[in-house]
Amino acid sequence: MKVLELCAGAGGQALGLDLAGYETSALVEIDKDACATLQLNRPKWNVIEGDLKQMTKHKFGAVDIICGGVPCQPFSIAGQNKGHKDERDLFPTAIKIVANHRPLGFFFENVRGLSTSKFDSYRAKIINLLVDLGYYVEWKVLEAADYGVPQLRPRFILVGKRNGAAEFPWPIKKRKSKTVSEVISDLMGENNWKGLDAWSIKADQIAPTIVGGSKKHGGPDLGPTRAKRQWAELGVDGMGIANEPPSFDFEGNPRLTNRMVARIQGFPDSWKFAGKKTSTYRQIGNAFPPPVAKAVALSMKSWLEVSTNKRPKRQPTQLNLSL
């Protein structure tokens, strides 16, 4: 199946679908460094650098699946929860592209905030617009830690299929979650750090959410004050990103390197990132974990083959939005 990805970022979702056996037809991304990252790892991918809002009528060729991580700031606490009033809300644009291409299905992800009661009406409006296009739609919040990612990273997942209403087979959770030390201890000990054993015991936990932030934010760090306190409990200094792992005689809480952060996000070491340290961190921090994307993509494969005569139902909404 051929995939068109919107707001592709550094390729977390694209890599997950690639690993699940999908063919990437085209990827749209506005950030120059993220585009360079995609080309660096998959030179044959058709990476289109540009503003998605200017591409609603663009013909991307044969497309079976449309997916993407439309900007999450409008629905996050950090983004002030402006929702549809936020200029960064690209859900209306994504829906127009779905209407233009009529794919077999779609798979969009966003922050957990979109699942909250504050956005009930807006969420229903999105679903109704997609139902009116002939799609059966489901949504659910999935926790990344349930799919092999050592991080508490809940994500809102919206899926849809065109050939009749049939329940989506949500991926089964893994029995055991990975921990930070389990995933990055080898990287933390690359310089034979004498404090590694003690640190590994302390970091044998699931990490808080990696926060990539936006270009309006300053340099790379591991998030707001509360998140930094949570990282400190794991023995990690969240005030910044290190260039190298701790030296042999380092004392105190070490900082993570970008490669460590990438592993915590579920990226393989083979996936390289273009750009300077801050740009790289933002690309990693804003990515959708590839293992979660792969799990959802595998479920979609069998789901899209199911065809029924049932018609999708609209959801009640009282909010009149101009999408």
C-alpha atoms as a PDB file:
ATOM      1  CA  MET A   1       0.000   0.000   0.000  1.00  0.00           C
ATOM      2  CA  LYS A   2       1.235   3.473  -0.900  1.00  0.00           C
ATOM      3  CA  VAL A   3       1.424   6.107   1.831  1.00  0.00           C
ATOM      4  CA  LEU A   4       1.252   9.892   1.724  1.00  0.00           C
ATOM      5  CA  GLU A   5       2.538  11.392   4.961  1.00  0.00           C
ATOM      6  CA  LEU A   6       1.680  14.925   6.056  1.00  0.00           C
ATOM      7  CA  CYS A   7       3.858  16.838   8.540  1.00  0.00           C
ATOM      8  CA  ALA A   8       6.372  14.017   8.397  1.00  0.00           C
ATOM      9  CA  GLY A   9       8.940  15.556  10.734  1.00  0.00           C
ATOM     10  CA  ALA A  10      12.031  13.416  11.272  1.00  0.00           C
ATOM     11  CA  GLY A  11      10.246  10.298  10.048  1.00  0.00           C
ATOM     12  CA  GLY A  12       9.079   8.480  13.174  1.00  0.00           C
ATOM     13  CA  GLN A  13       5.703   7.560  11.721  1.00  0.00           C
ATOM     14  CA  ALA A  14       7.112   7.037   8.234  1.00  0.00           C
ATOM     15  CA  LEU A  15       9.756   4.656   9.575  1.00  0.00           C
ATOM     16  CA  GLY A  16       7.100   2.714  11.495  1.00  0.00           C
ATOM     17  CA  LEU A  17       4.981   2.270   8.373  1.00  0.00           C
ATOM     18  CA  ASP A  18       8.088   1.388   6.364  1.00  0.00           C
ATOM     19  CA  LEU A  19       8.927  -1.357   8.870  1.00  0.00           C
ATOM     20  CA  ALA A  20       5.345  -2.594   8.615  1.00  0.00           C
ATOM     21  CA  GLY A  21       5.766  -3.108   4.865  1.00  0.00           C
ATOM     22  CA  TYR A  22       4.087   0.007   3.443  1.00  0.00           C
ATOM     23  CA  GLU A  23       5.484   1.897   0.447  1.00  0.00           C
ATOM     24  CA  THR A  24       6.135   5.592   1.030  1.00  0.00           C
ATOM     25  CA  SER A  25       4.780   7.525  -1.960  1.00  0.00           C
ATOM     26  CA  ALA A  26       5.451  11.081  -0.732  1.00  0.00           C
ATOM     27  CA  LEU A  27       6.171  13.004   2.473  1.00  0.00           C
ATOM     28  CA  VAL A  28       5.366  16.655   3.130  1.00  0.00           C
ATOM     29  CA  GLU A  29       7.344  18.611   5.725  1.00  0.00           C
ATOM     30  CA  ILE A  30       8.004  22.323   6.184  1.00  0.00           C
ATOM     31  CA  ASP A  31      11.170  22.119   8.302  1.00  0.00           C
ATOM     32  CA  LYS A  32      14.356  22.133   6.217  1.00  0.00           C
ATOM     33  CA  ASP A  33      16.445  20.043   8.630  1.00  0.00           C
ATOM     34  CA  ALA A  34      13.701  17.432   9.020  1.00  0.00           C
ATOM     35  CA  CYS A  35      13.502  17.135   5.226  1.00  0.00           C
ATOM     36  CA  ALA A  36      17.256  16.624   5.158  1.00  0.00           C
ATOM     37  CA  THR A  37      16.897  13.901   7.796  1.00  0.00           C
ATOM     38  CA  LEU A  38      14.324  12.054   5.690  1.00  0.00           C
ATOM     39  CA  GLN A  39      16.523  12.253   2.562  1.00  0.00           C
ATOM     40  CA  LEU A  40      19.596  11.218   4.544  1.00  0.00           C
ATOM     41  CA  ASN A  41      17.959   7.986   5.670  1.00  0.00           C
ATOM     42  CA  ARG A  42      15.821   7.177   2.638  1.00  0.00           C
ATOM     43  CA  PRO A  43      17.327   8.869  -0.457  1.00  0.00           C
ATOM     44  CA  LYS A  44      14.656   7.366  -2.710  1.00  0.00           C
ATOM     45  CA  TRP A  45      11.736   8.832  -0.776  1.00  0.00           C
ATOM     46  CA  ASN A  46       9.847  11.690  -2.435  1.00  0.00           C
ATOM     47  CA  VAL A  47      10.293  14.417   0.196  1.00  0.00           C
ATOM     48  CA  ILE A  48       8.375  17.628  -0.503  1.00  0.00           C
ATOM     49  CA  GLU A  49       9.503  20.651   1.498  1.00  0.00           C
ATOM     50  CA  GLY A  50       6.763  23.229   1.867  1.00  0.00           C
ATOM     51  CA  ASP A  51       3.701  24.597   3.633  1.00  0.00           C
ATOM     52  CA  LEU A  52       0.936  21.995   3.813  1.00  0.00           C
ATOM     53  CA  LYS A  53      -1.733  24.713   3.683  1.00  0.00           C
ATOM     54  CA  GLN A  54      -0.614  25.491   0.141  1.00  0.00           C
ATOM     55  CA  MET A  55      -1.036  21.860  -0.983  1.00  0.00           C
ATOM     56  CA  THR A  56      -4.703  21.067  -0.419  1.00  0.00           C
ATOM     57  CA  LYS A  57      -5.305  20.736  -4.180  1.00  0.00           C
ATOM     58  CA  HIS A  58      -1.913  19.211  -5.006  1.00  0.00           C
ATOM     59  CA  LYS A  59      -2.056  15.816  -6.706  1.00  0.00           C
ATOM     60  CA  PHE A  60       0.361  13.428  -5.011  1.00  0.00           C
ATOM     61  CA  GLY A  61      -0.333  10.487  -7.317  1.00  0.00           C
ATOM     62  CA  ALA A  62      -1.693   7.089  -6.282  1.00  0.00           C
ATOM     63  CA  VAL A  63      -2.311   7.086  -2.523  1.00  0.00           C
ATOM     64  CA  ASP A  64      -3.829   4.253  -0.470  1.00  0.00           C
ATOM     65  CA  ILE A  65      -3.164   5.642   3.012  1.00  0.00           C
ATOM     66  CA  ILE A  66      -2.822   9.211   4.279  1.00  0.00           C
ATOM     67  CA  CYS A  67      -1.141   9.616   7.638  1.00  0.00           C
ATOM     68  CA  GLY A  68       0.678  12.217   9.668  1.00  0.00           C
ATOM     69  CA  GLY A  69       1.268  13.990  12.935  1.00  0.00           C
ATOM     70  CA  VAL A  70      -0.497  17.289  12.346  1.00  0.00           C
ATOM     71  CA  PRO A  71       0.889  19.951  14.747  1.00  0.00           C
ATOM     72  CA  CYS A  72      -0.054  19.112  18.340  1.00  0.00           C
ATOM     73  CA  GLN A  73       0.516  22.508  20.017  1.00  0.00           C
ATOM     74  CA  PRO A  74      -3.131  23.609  19.621  1.00  0.00           C
ATOM     75  CA  PHE A  75      -4.250  20.728  21.866  1.00  0.00           C
ATOM     76  CA  SER A  76      -1.391  20.558  24.369  1.00  0.00           C
ATOM     77  CA  ILE A  77      -1.025  22.222  27.750  1.00  0.00           C
ATOM     78  CA  ALA A  78       2.235  23.772  26.596  1.00  0.00           C
ATOM     79  CA  GLY A  79       0.439  25.134  23.535  1.00  0.00           C
ATOM     80  CA  GLN A  80      -2.206  26.885  25.696  1.00  0.00           C
ATOM     81  CA  ASN A  81      -5.033  24.602  24.492  1.00  0.00           C
ATOM     82  CA  LYS A  82      -6.279  26.996  21.804  1.00  0.00           C
ATOM     83  CA  GLY A  83      -7.498  24.163  19.592  1.00  0.00           C
ATOM     84  CA  HIS A  84      -9.164  25.281  16.353  1.00  0.00           C
ATOM     85  CA  LYS A  85      -8.384  28.927  17.199  1.00  0.00           C
ATOM     86  CA  ASP A  86      -4.665  28.197  16.919  1.00  0.00           C
ATOM     87  CA  GLU A  87      -3.125  29.064  13.538  1.00  0.00           C
ATOM     88  CA  ARG A  88      -1.018  25.895  13.791  1.00  0.00           C
ATOM     89  CA  ASP A  89      -4.102  23.642  13.695  1.00  0.00           C
ATOM     90  CA  LEU A  90      -3.718  21.712  10.439  1.00  0.00           C
ATOM     91  CA  PHE A  91      -6.556  19.218  10.890  1.00  0.00           C
ATOM     92  CA  PRO A  92      -8.782  21.188   8.465  1.00  0.00           C
ATOM     93  CA  THR A  93      -5.987  21.064   5.886  1.00  0.00           C
ATOM     94  CA  ALA A  94      -5.465  17.329   6.407  1.00  0.00           C
ATOM     95  CA  ILE A  95      -9.191  16.701   5.917  1.00  0.00           C
ATOM     96  CA  LYS A  96      -9.182  18.679   2.652  1.00  0.00           C
ATOM     97  CA  ILE A  97      -6.308  16.508   1.387  1.00  0.00           C
ATOM     98  CA  VAL A  98      -8.218  13.353   2.374  1.00  0.00           C
ATOM     99  CA  ALA A  99     -11.230  14.705   0.452  1.00  0.00           C
ATOM    100  CA  ASN A 100      -9.037  15.401  -2.571  1.00  0.00           C
ATOM    101  CA  HIS A 101      -7.455  11.920  -2.713  1.00  0.00           C
ATOM    102  CA  ARG A 102     -10.082   9.645  -1.135  1.00  0.00           C
ATOM    103  CA  PRO A 103      -7.567   7.073   0.172  1.00  0.00           C
ATOM    104  CA  LEU A 104      -8.612   3.631   1.442  1.00  0.00           C
ATOM    105  CA  GLY A 105      -7.796   4.813   4.948  1.00  0.00           C
ATOM    106  CA  PHE A 106      -5.995   7.307   7.134  1.00  0.00           C
ATOM    107  CA  PHE A 107      -3.987   7.313  10.352  1.00  0.00           C
ATOM    108  CA  PHE A 108      -3.399  10.591  12.209  1.00  0.00           C
ATOM    109  CA  GLU A 109      -1.753  11.075  15.591  1.00  0.00           C
ATOM    110  CA  ASN A 110      -1.756  13.928  18.080  1.00  0.00           C
ATOM    111  CA  VAL A 111      -1.291  14.673  21.778  1.00  0.00           C
ATOM    112  CA  ARG A 112      -3.615  13.214  24.419  1.00  0.00           C
ATOM    113  CA  GLY A 113      -5.162  16.666  24.913  1.00  0.00           C
ATOM    114  CA  LEU A 114      -7.345  16.175  21.834  1.00  0.00           C
ATOM    115  CA  SER A 115      -9.105  13.315  23.667  1.00  0.00           C
ATOM    116  CA  THR A 116     -10.168  15.501  26.611  1.00  0.00           C
ATOM    117  CA  SER A 117     -13.646  16.874  27.272  1.00  0.00           C
ATOM    118  CA  LYS A 118     -12.494  20.409  26.407  1.00  0.00           C
ATOM    119  CA  PHE A 119     -12.244  19.338  22.760  1.00  0.00           C
ATOM    120  CA  ASP A 120     -15.312  17.053  22.603  1.00  0.00           C
ATOM    121  CA  SER A 121     -17.157  19.285  20.140  1.00  0.00           C
ATOM    122  CA  TYR A 122     -14.119  19.941  17.981  1.00  0.00           C
ATOM    123  CA  ARG A 123     -13.244  16.237  17.904  1.00  0.00           C
ATOM    124  CA  ALA A 124     -16.804  15.357  16.908  1.00  0.00           C
ATOM    125  CA  LYS A 125     -16.687  17.971  14.135  1.00  0.00           C
ATOM    126  CA  ILE A 126     -13.509  16.414  12.726  1.00  0.00           C
ATOM    127  CA  ILE A 127     -15.040  12.952  12.814  1.00  0.00           C
ATOM    128  CA  ASN A 128     -18.298  14.107  11.220  1.00  0.00           C
ATOM    129  CA  LEU A 129     -16.464  15.748   8.339  1.00  0.00           C
ATOM    130  CA  LEU A 130     -14.600  12.490   7.703  1.00  0.00           C
ATOM    131  CA  VAL A 131     -17.790  10.434   8.045  1.00  0.00           C
ATOM    132  CA  ASP A 132     -19.462  12.714   5.496  1.00  0.00           C
ATOM    133  CA  LEU A 133     -16.618  11.809   3.129  1.00  0.00           C
ATOM    134  CA  GLY A 134     -17.604   8.152   3.506  1.00  0.00           C
ATOM    135  CA  TYR A 135     -15.213   6.991   6.222  1.00  0.00           C
ATOM    136  CA  TYR A 136     -15.757   4.884   9.304  1.00  0.00           C
ATOM    137  CA  VAL A 137     -13.703   6.528  12.070  1.00  0.00           C
ATOM    138  CA  GLU A 138     -12.341   5.430  15.448  1.00  0.00           C
ATOM    139  CA  TRP A 139      -9.990   7.044  17.938  1.00  0.00           C
ATOM    140  CA  LYS A 140      -8.116   5.920  21.012  1.00  0.00           C
ATOM    141  CA  VAL A 141      -5.281   7.071  23.251  1.00  0.00           C
ATOM    142  CA  LEU A 142      -2.340   4.661  23.103  1.00  0.00           C
ATOM    143  CA  GLU A 143       0.527   4.670  25.592  1.00  0.00           C
ATOM    144  CA  ALA A 144       3.949   4.327  23.945  1.00  0.00           C
ATOM    145  CA  ALA A 145       5.298   2.367  26.919  1.00  0.00           C
ATOM    146  CA  ASP A 146       2.868  -0.436  26.025  1.00  0.00           C
ATOM    147  CA  TYR A 147       4.627  -0.984  22.699  1.00  0.00           C
ATOM    148  CA  GLY A 148       8.305  -1.208  23.595  1.00  0.00           C
ATOM    149  CA  VAL A 149       9.082   2.501  24.076  1.00  0.00           C
ATOM    150  CA  PRO A 150      10.655   3.295  27.507  1.00  0.00           C
ATOM    151  CA  GLN A 151       8.616   6.451  27.906  1.00  0.00           C
ATOM    152  CA  LEU A 152       5.246   7.618  29.207  1.00  0.00           C
ATOM    153  CA  ARG A 153       4.041   9.087  25.924  1.00  0.00           C
ATOM    154  CA  PRO A 154       0.262   8.898  25.463  1.00  0.00           C
ATOM    155  CA  ARG A 155      -0.854   9.729  21.924  1.00  0.00           C
ATOM    156  CA  PHE A 156      -4.264  10.354  20.420  1.00  0.00           C
ATOM    157  CA  ILE A 157      -4.700   8.041  17.412  1.00  0.00           C
ATOM    158  CA  LEU A 158      -7.390   8.684  14.784  1.00  0.00           C
ATOM    159  CA  VAL A 159      -7.968   5.999  12.145  1.00  0.00           C
ATOM    160  CA  GLY A 160     -10.475   5.712   9.322  1.00  0.00           C
ATOM    161  CA  LYS A 161     -11.424   3.329   6.507  1.00  0.00           C
ATOM    162  CA  ARG A 162     -13.527   3.854   3.410  1.00  0.00           C
ATOM    163  CA  ASN A 163     -15.010   0.414   2.723  1.00  0.00           C
ATOM    164  CA  GLY A 164     -17.677   0.090   5.398  1.00  0.00           C
ATOM    165  CA  ALA A 165     -17.939   0.230   9.184  1.00  0.00           C
ATOM    166  CA  ALA A 166     -15.865  -2.411  10.958  1.00  0.00           C
ATOM    167  CA  GLU A 167     -14.206  -2.123  14.366  1.00  0.00           C
ATOM    168  CA  PHE A 168     -10.501  -1.338  14.294  1.00  0.00           C
ATOM    169  CA  PRO A 169      -8.279  -4.120  15.731  1.00  0.00           C
ATOM    170  CA  TRP A 170      -6.213  -1.982  18.094  1.00  0.00           C
ATOM    171  CA  PRO A 171      -2.706  -3.425  18.609  1.00  0.00           C
ATOM    172  CA  ILE A 172      -2.165  -5.650  21.636  1.00  0.00           C
ATOM    173  CA  LYS A 173       0.007  -4.285  24.433  1.00  0.00           C
ATOM    174  CA  LYS A 174       3.360  -5.870  25.146  1.00  0.00           C
ATOM    175  CA  ARG A 175       3.539  -7.764  28.430  1.00  0.00           C
ATOM    176  CA  LYS A 176       6.533  -5.875  29.820  1.00  0.00           C
ATOM    177  CA  SER A 177       7.610  -2.268  29.374  1.00  0.00           C
ATOM    178  CA  LYS A 178      11.237  -1.366  28.720  1.00  0.00           C
ATOM    179  CA  THR A 179      13.087   1.015  31.052  1.00  0.00           C
ATOM    180  CA  VAL A 180      15.541   3.859  30.455  1.00  0.00           C
ATOM    181  CA  SER A 181      18.590   2.017  31.767  1.00  0.00           C
ATOM    182  CA  GLU A 182      17.658  -1.101  29.814  1.00  0.00           C
ATOM    183  CA  VAL A 183      17.659   0.891  26.585  1.00  0.00           C
ATOM    184  CA  ILE A 184      20.568   3.349  26.951  1.00  0.00           C
ATOM    185  CA  SER A 185      22.988   1.979  29.607  1.00  0.00           C
ATOM    186  CA  ASP A 186      25.468   0.944  26.917  1.00  0.00           C
ATOM    187  CA  LEU A 187      25.482   4.494  25.522  1.00  0.00           C
ATOM    188  CA  MET A 188      25.775   6.029  28.988  1.00  0.00           C
ATOM    189  CA  GLY A 189      28.810   3.839  29.685  1.00  0.00           C
ATOM    190  CA  GLU A 190      30.688   4.400  26.419  1.00  0.00           C
ATOM    191  CA  ASN A 191      33.448   6.323  28.260  1.00  0.00           C
ATOM    192  CA  ASN A 192      33.680   3.712  31.055  1.00  0.00           C
ATOM    193  CA  TRP A 193      31.848   5.947  33.513  1.00  0.00           C
ATOM    194  CA  LYS A 194      32.514   4.639  37.025  1.00  0.00           C
ATOM    195  CA  GLY A 195      29.042   5.607  38.214  1.00  0.00           C
ATOM    196  CA  LEU A 196      27.213   3.556  35.568  1.00  0.00           C
ATOM    197  CA  ASP A 197      26.112   0.663  37.799  1.00  0.00           C
ATOM    198  CA  ALA A 198      24.564   2.921  40.418  1.00  0.00           C
ATOM    199  CA  TRP A 199      22.934   5.053  37.725  1.00  0.00           C
ATOM    200  CA  SER A 200      21.489   1.990  35.964  1.00  0.00           C
ATOM    201  CA  ILE A 201      19.655   0.951  39.110  1.00  0.00           C
ATOM    202  CA  LYS A 202      18.201   4.436  39.545  1.00  0.00           C
ATOM    203  CA  ALA A 203      17.211   4.695  35.879  1.00  0.00           C
ATOM    204  CA  ASP A 204      15.490   1.315  35.788  1.00  0.00           C
ATOM    205  CA  GLN A 205      12.166   3.082  35.239  1.00  0.00           C
ATOM    206  CA  ILE A 206      10.010   4.384  32.410  1.00  0.00           C
ATOM    207  CA  ALA A 207      10.870   7.938  31.343  1.00  0.00           C
ATOM    208  CA  PRO A 208       8.482  10.897  31.348  1.00  0.00           C
ATOM    209  CA  THR A 209       7.411  12.292  27.979  1.00  0.00           C
ATOM    210  CA  ILE A 210      10.210  13.645  25.804  1.00  0.00           C
ATOM    211  CA  VAL A 211       9.255  17.246  24.951  1.00  0.00           C
ATOM    212  CA  GLY A 212      10.582  18.562  21.660  1.00  0.00           C
ATOM    213  CA  GLY A 213       9.045  22.015  21.892  1.00  0.00           C
ATOM    214  CA  SER A 214       8.847  24.557  19.081  1.00  0.00           C
ATOM    215  CA  LYS A 215      11.161  27.108  17.515  1.00  0.00           C
ATOM    216  CA  LYS A 216       9.638  29.689  19.858  1.00  0.00           C
ATOM    217  CA  HIS A 217      11.253  27.773  22.735  1.00  0.00           C
ATOM    218  CA  GLY A 218      14.918  28.252  23.683  1.00  0.00           C
ATOM    219  CA  GLY A 219      17.674  25.637  23.539  1.00  0.00           C
ATOM    220  CA  PRO A 220      17.222  21.890  24.009  1.00  0.00           C
ATOM    221  CA  ASP A 221      16.150  20.641  27.433  1.00  0.00           C
ATOM    222  CA  LEU A 222      13.894  17.882  28.708  1.00  0.00           C
ATOM    223  CA  GLY A 223      10.789  19.957  29.263  1.00  0.00           C
ATOM    224  CA  PRO A 224       9.087  22.042  31.949  1.00  0.00           C
ATOM    225  CA  THR A 225      10.007  22.087  35.643  1.00  0.00           C
ATOM    226  CA  ARG A 226       7.832  19.108  36.547  1.00  0.00           C
ATOM    227  CA  ALA A 227       9.392  16.971  33.819  1.00  0.00           C
ATOM    228  CA  LYS A 228      12.894  17.958  34.938  1.00  0.00           C
ATOM    229  CA  ARG A 229      12.042  16.789  38.472  1.00  0.00           C
ATOM    230  CA  GLN A 230      10.875  13.466  37.071  1.00  0.00           C
ATOM    231  CA  TRP A 231      14.090  13.096  35.099  1.00  0.00           C
ATOM    232  CA  ALA A 232      16.109  13.888  38.236  1.00  0.00           C
ATOM    233  CA  GLU A 233      14.432  10.930  39.940  1.00  0.00           C
ATOM    234  CA  LEU A 234      15.914   8.763  37.179  1.00  0.00           C
ATOM    235  CA  GLY A 235      19.350  10.281  37.711  1.00  0.00           C
ATOM    236  CA  VAL A 236      19.223  12.514  34.642  1.00  0.00           C
ATOM    237  CA  ASP A 237      19.983  16.235  34.445  1.00  0.00           C
ATOM    238  CA  GLY A 238      17.160  17.606  32.307  1.00  0.00           C
ATOM    239  CA  MET A 239      18.552  21.132  31.926  1.00  0.00           C
ATOM    240  CA  GLY A 240      20.126  20.406  28.558  1.00  0.00           C
ATOM    241  CA  ILE A 241      21.511  17.880  26.088  1.00  0.00           C
ATOM    242  CA  ALA A 242      25.103  16.621  26.287  1.00  0.00           C
ATOM    243  CA  ASN A 243      27.488  16.315  23.370  1.00  0.00           C
ATOM    244  CA  GLU A 244      29.110  13.184  24.822  1.00  0.00           C
ATOM    245  CA  PRO A 245      28.333  10.518  27.443  1.00  0.00           C
ATOM    246  CA  PRO A 246      29.777  11.120  30.953  1.00  0.00           C
ATOM    247  CA  SER A 247      33.546  10.732  31.377  1.00  0.00           C
ATOM    248  CA  PHE A 248      35.118   8.104  33.641  1.00  0.00           C
ATOM    249  CA  ASP A 249      35.274  10.324  36.748  1.00  0.00           C
ATOM    250  CA  PHE A 250      32.026  12.267  36.165  1.00  0.00           C
ATOM    251  CA  GLU A 251      29.996  12.920  39.304  1.00  0.00           C
ATOM    252  CA  GLY A 252      26.330  13.872  39.653  1.00  0.00           C
ATOM    253  CA  ASN A 253      23.428  13.380  37.259  1.00  0.00           C
ATOM    254  CA  PRO A 254      24.511  13.100  33.615  1.00  0.00           C
ATOM    255  CA  ARG A 255      22.650  14.672  30.703  1.00  0.00           C
ATOM    256  CA  LEU A 256      21.329  12.641  27.813  1.00  0.00           C
ATOM    257  CA  THR A 257      22.863  12.878  24.353  1.00  0.00           C
ATOM    258  CA  ASN A 258      20.660  13.159  21.286  1.00  0.00           C
ATOM    259  CA  ARG A 259      21.394   9.541  20.427  1.00  0.00           C
ATOM    260  CA  MET A 260      20.136   8.500  23.864  1.00  0.00           C
ATOM    261  CA  VAL A 261      16.987  10.571  23.391  1.00  0.00           C
ATOM    262  CA  ALA A 262      16.465   8.965  19.968  1.00  0.00           C
ATOM    263  CA  ARG A 263      16.634   5.508  21.520  1.00  0.00           C
ATOM    264  CA  ILE A 264      14.123   6.515  24.192  1.00  0.00           C
ATOM    265  CA  GLN A 265      11.842   7.625  21.342  1.00  0.00           C
ATOM    266  CA  GLY A 266      12.215   4.220  19.702  1.00  0.00           C
ATOM    267  CA  PHE A 267      14.522   5.185  16.821  1.00  0.00           C
ATOM    268  CA  PRO A 268      17.167   2.630  15.808  1.00  0.00           C
ATOM    269  CA  ASP A 269      20.805   3.748  15.889  1.00  0.00           C
ATOM    270  CA  SER A 270      20.857   3.442  12.102  1.00  0.00           C
ATOM    271  CA  TRP A 271      18.488   6.426  11.805  1.00  0.00           C
ATOM    272  CA  LYS A 272      20.600   9.572  11.419  1.00  0.00           C
ATOM    273  CA  PHE A 273      19.552  13.181  11.968  1.00  0.00           C
ATOM    274  CA  ALA A 274      20.515  16.286   9.981  1.00  0.00           C
ATOM    275  CA  GLY A 275      21.038  19.701  11.526  1.00  0.00           C
ATOM    276  CA  LYS A 276      22.693  21.150  14.629  1.00  0.00           C
ATOM    277  CA  LYS A 277      22.130  19.895  18.183  1.00  0.00           C
ATOM    278  CA  THR A 278      19.046  21.964  18.999  1.00  0.00           C
ATOM    279  CA  SER A 279      17.363  21.183  15.686  1.00  0.00           C
ATOM    280  CA  THR A 280      18.174  17.489  16.063  1.00  0.00           C
ATOM    281  CA  TYR A 281      16.722  17.395  19.563  1.00  0.00           C
ATOM    282  CA  ARG A 282      13.508  19.071  18.409  1.00  0.00           C
ATOM    283  CA  GLN A 283      13.163  16.629  15.536  1.00  0.00           C
ATOM    284  CA  ILE A 284      13.563  13.686  17.900  1.00  0.00           C
ATOM    285  CA  GLY A 285      11.397  15.126  20.661  1.00  0.00           C
ATOM    286  CA  ASN A 286       8.500  15.953  18.331  1.00  0.00           C
ATOM    287  CA  ALA A 287       8.564  12.581  16.566  1.00  0.00           C
ATOM    288  CA  PHE A 288       5.995   9.806  16.790  1.00  0.00           C
ATOM    289  CA  PRO A 289       7.738   6.686  18.207  1.00  0.00           C
ATOM    290  CA  PRO A 290       8.380   4.265  15.309  1.00  0.00           C
ATOM    291  CA  PRO A 291       7.413   1.124  17.330  1.00  0.00           C
ATOM    292  CA  VAL A 292       3.949   2.575  18.038  1.00  0.00           C
ATOM    293  CA  ALA A 293       3.527   3.617  14.405  1.00  0.00           C
ATOM    294  CA  LYS A 294       4.501   0.118  13.269  1.00  0.00           C
ATOM    295  CA  ALA A 295       2.021  -1.522  15.664  1.00  0.00           C
ATOM    296  CA  VAL A 296      -0.879   0.635  14.432  1.00  0.00           C
ATOM    297  CA  ALA A 297       0.174   0.209  10.796  1.00  0.00           C
ATOM    298  CA  LEU A 298       0.166  -3.585  11.088  1.00  0.00           C
ATOM    299  CA  SER A 299      -3.355  -3.463  12.536  1.00  0.00           C
ATOM    300  CA  MET A 300      -4.463  -1.239   9.649  1.00  0.00           C
ATOM    301  CA  LYS A 301      -3.320  -3.746   7.037  1.00  0.00           C
ATOM    302  CA  SER A 302      -5.880  -6.374   7.944  1.00  0.00           C
ATOM    303  CA  TRP A 303      -8.543  -3.789   8.847  1.00  0.00           C
ATOM    304  CA  LEU A 304      -8.567  -2.126   5.427  1.00  0.00           C
ATOM    305  CA  GLU A 305      -9.252  -5.467   3.775  1.00  0.00           C
ATOM    306  CA  VAL A 306     -12.535  -5.834   5.692  1.00  0.00           C
ATOM    307  CA  SER A 307     -15.556  -4.608   3.741  1.00  0.00           C
ATOM    308  CA  THR A 308     -19.089  -4.343   5.129  1.00  0.00           C
ATOM    309  CA  ASN A 309     -22.394  -2.765   4.145  1.00  0.00           C
ATOM    310  CA  LYS A 310     -22.661  -0.849   7.418  1.00  0.00           C
ATOM    311  CA  ARG A 311     -22.664   2.918   7.128  1.00  0.00           C
ATOM    312  CA  PRO A 312     -20.531   5.031   9.464  1.00  0.00           C
ATOM    313  CA  LYS A 313     -22.429   7.103  12.022  1.00  0.00           C
ATOM    314  CA  ARG A 314     -22.043  10.790  12.752  1.00  0.00           C
ATOM    315  CA  GLN A 315     -21.265  12.018  16.237  1.00  0.00           C
ATOM    316  CA  PRO A 316     -23.400  14.697  17.922  1.00  0.00           C
ATOM    317  CA  THR A 317     -21.784  18.130  17.939  1.00  0.00           C
ATOM    318  CA  GLN A 318     -22.965  21.587  18.920  1.00  0.00           C
ATOM    319  CA  LEU A 319     -19.955  23.577  17.758  1.00  0.00           C
ATOM    320  CA  ASN A 320     -20.072  25.290  14.388  1.00  0.00           C
ATOM    321  CA  LEU A 321     -16.516  25.366  13.074  1.00  0.00           C
ATOM    322  CA  SER A 322     -15.385  26.663   9.724  1.00  0.00           C
ATOM    323  CA  LEU A 323     -13.122  23.862   8.645  1.00  0.00           C
END
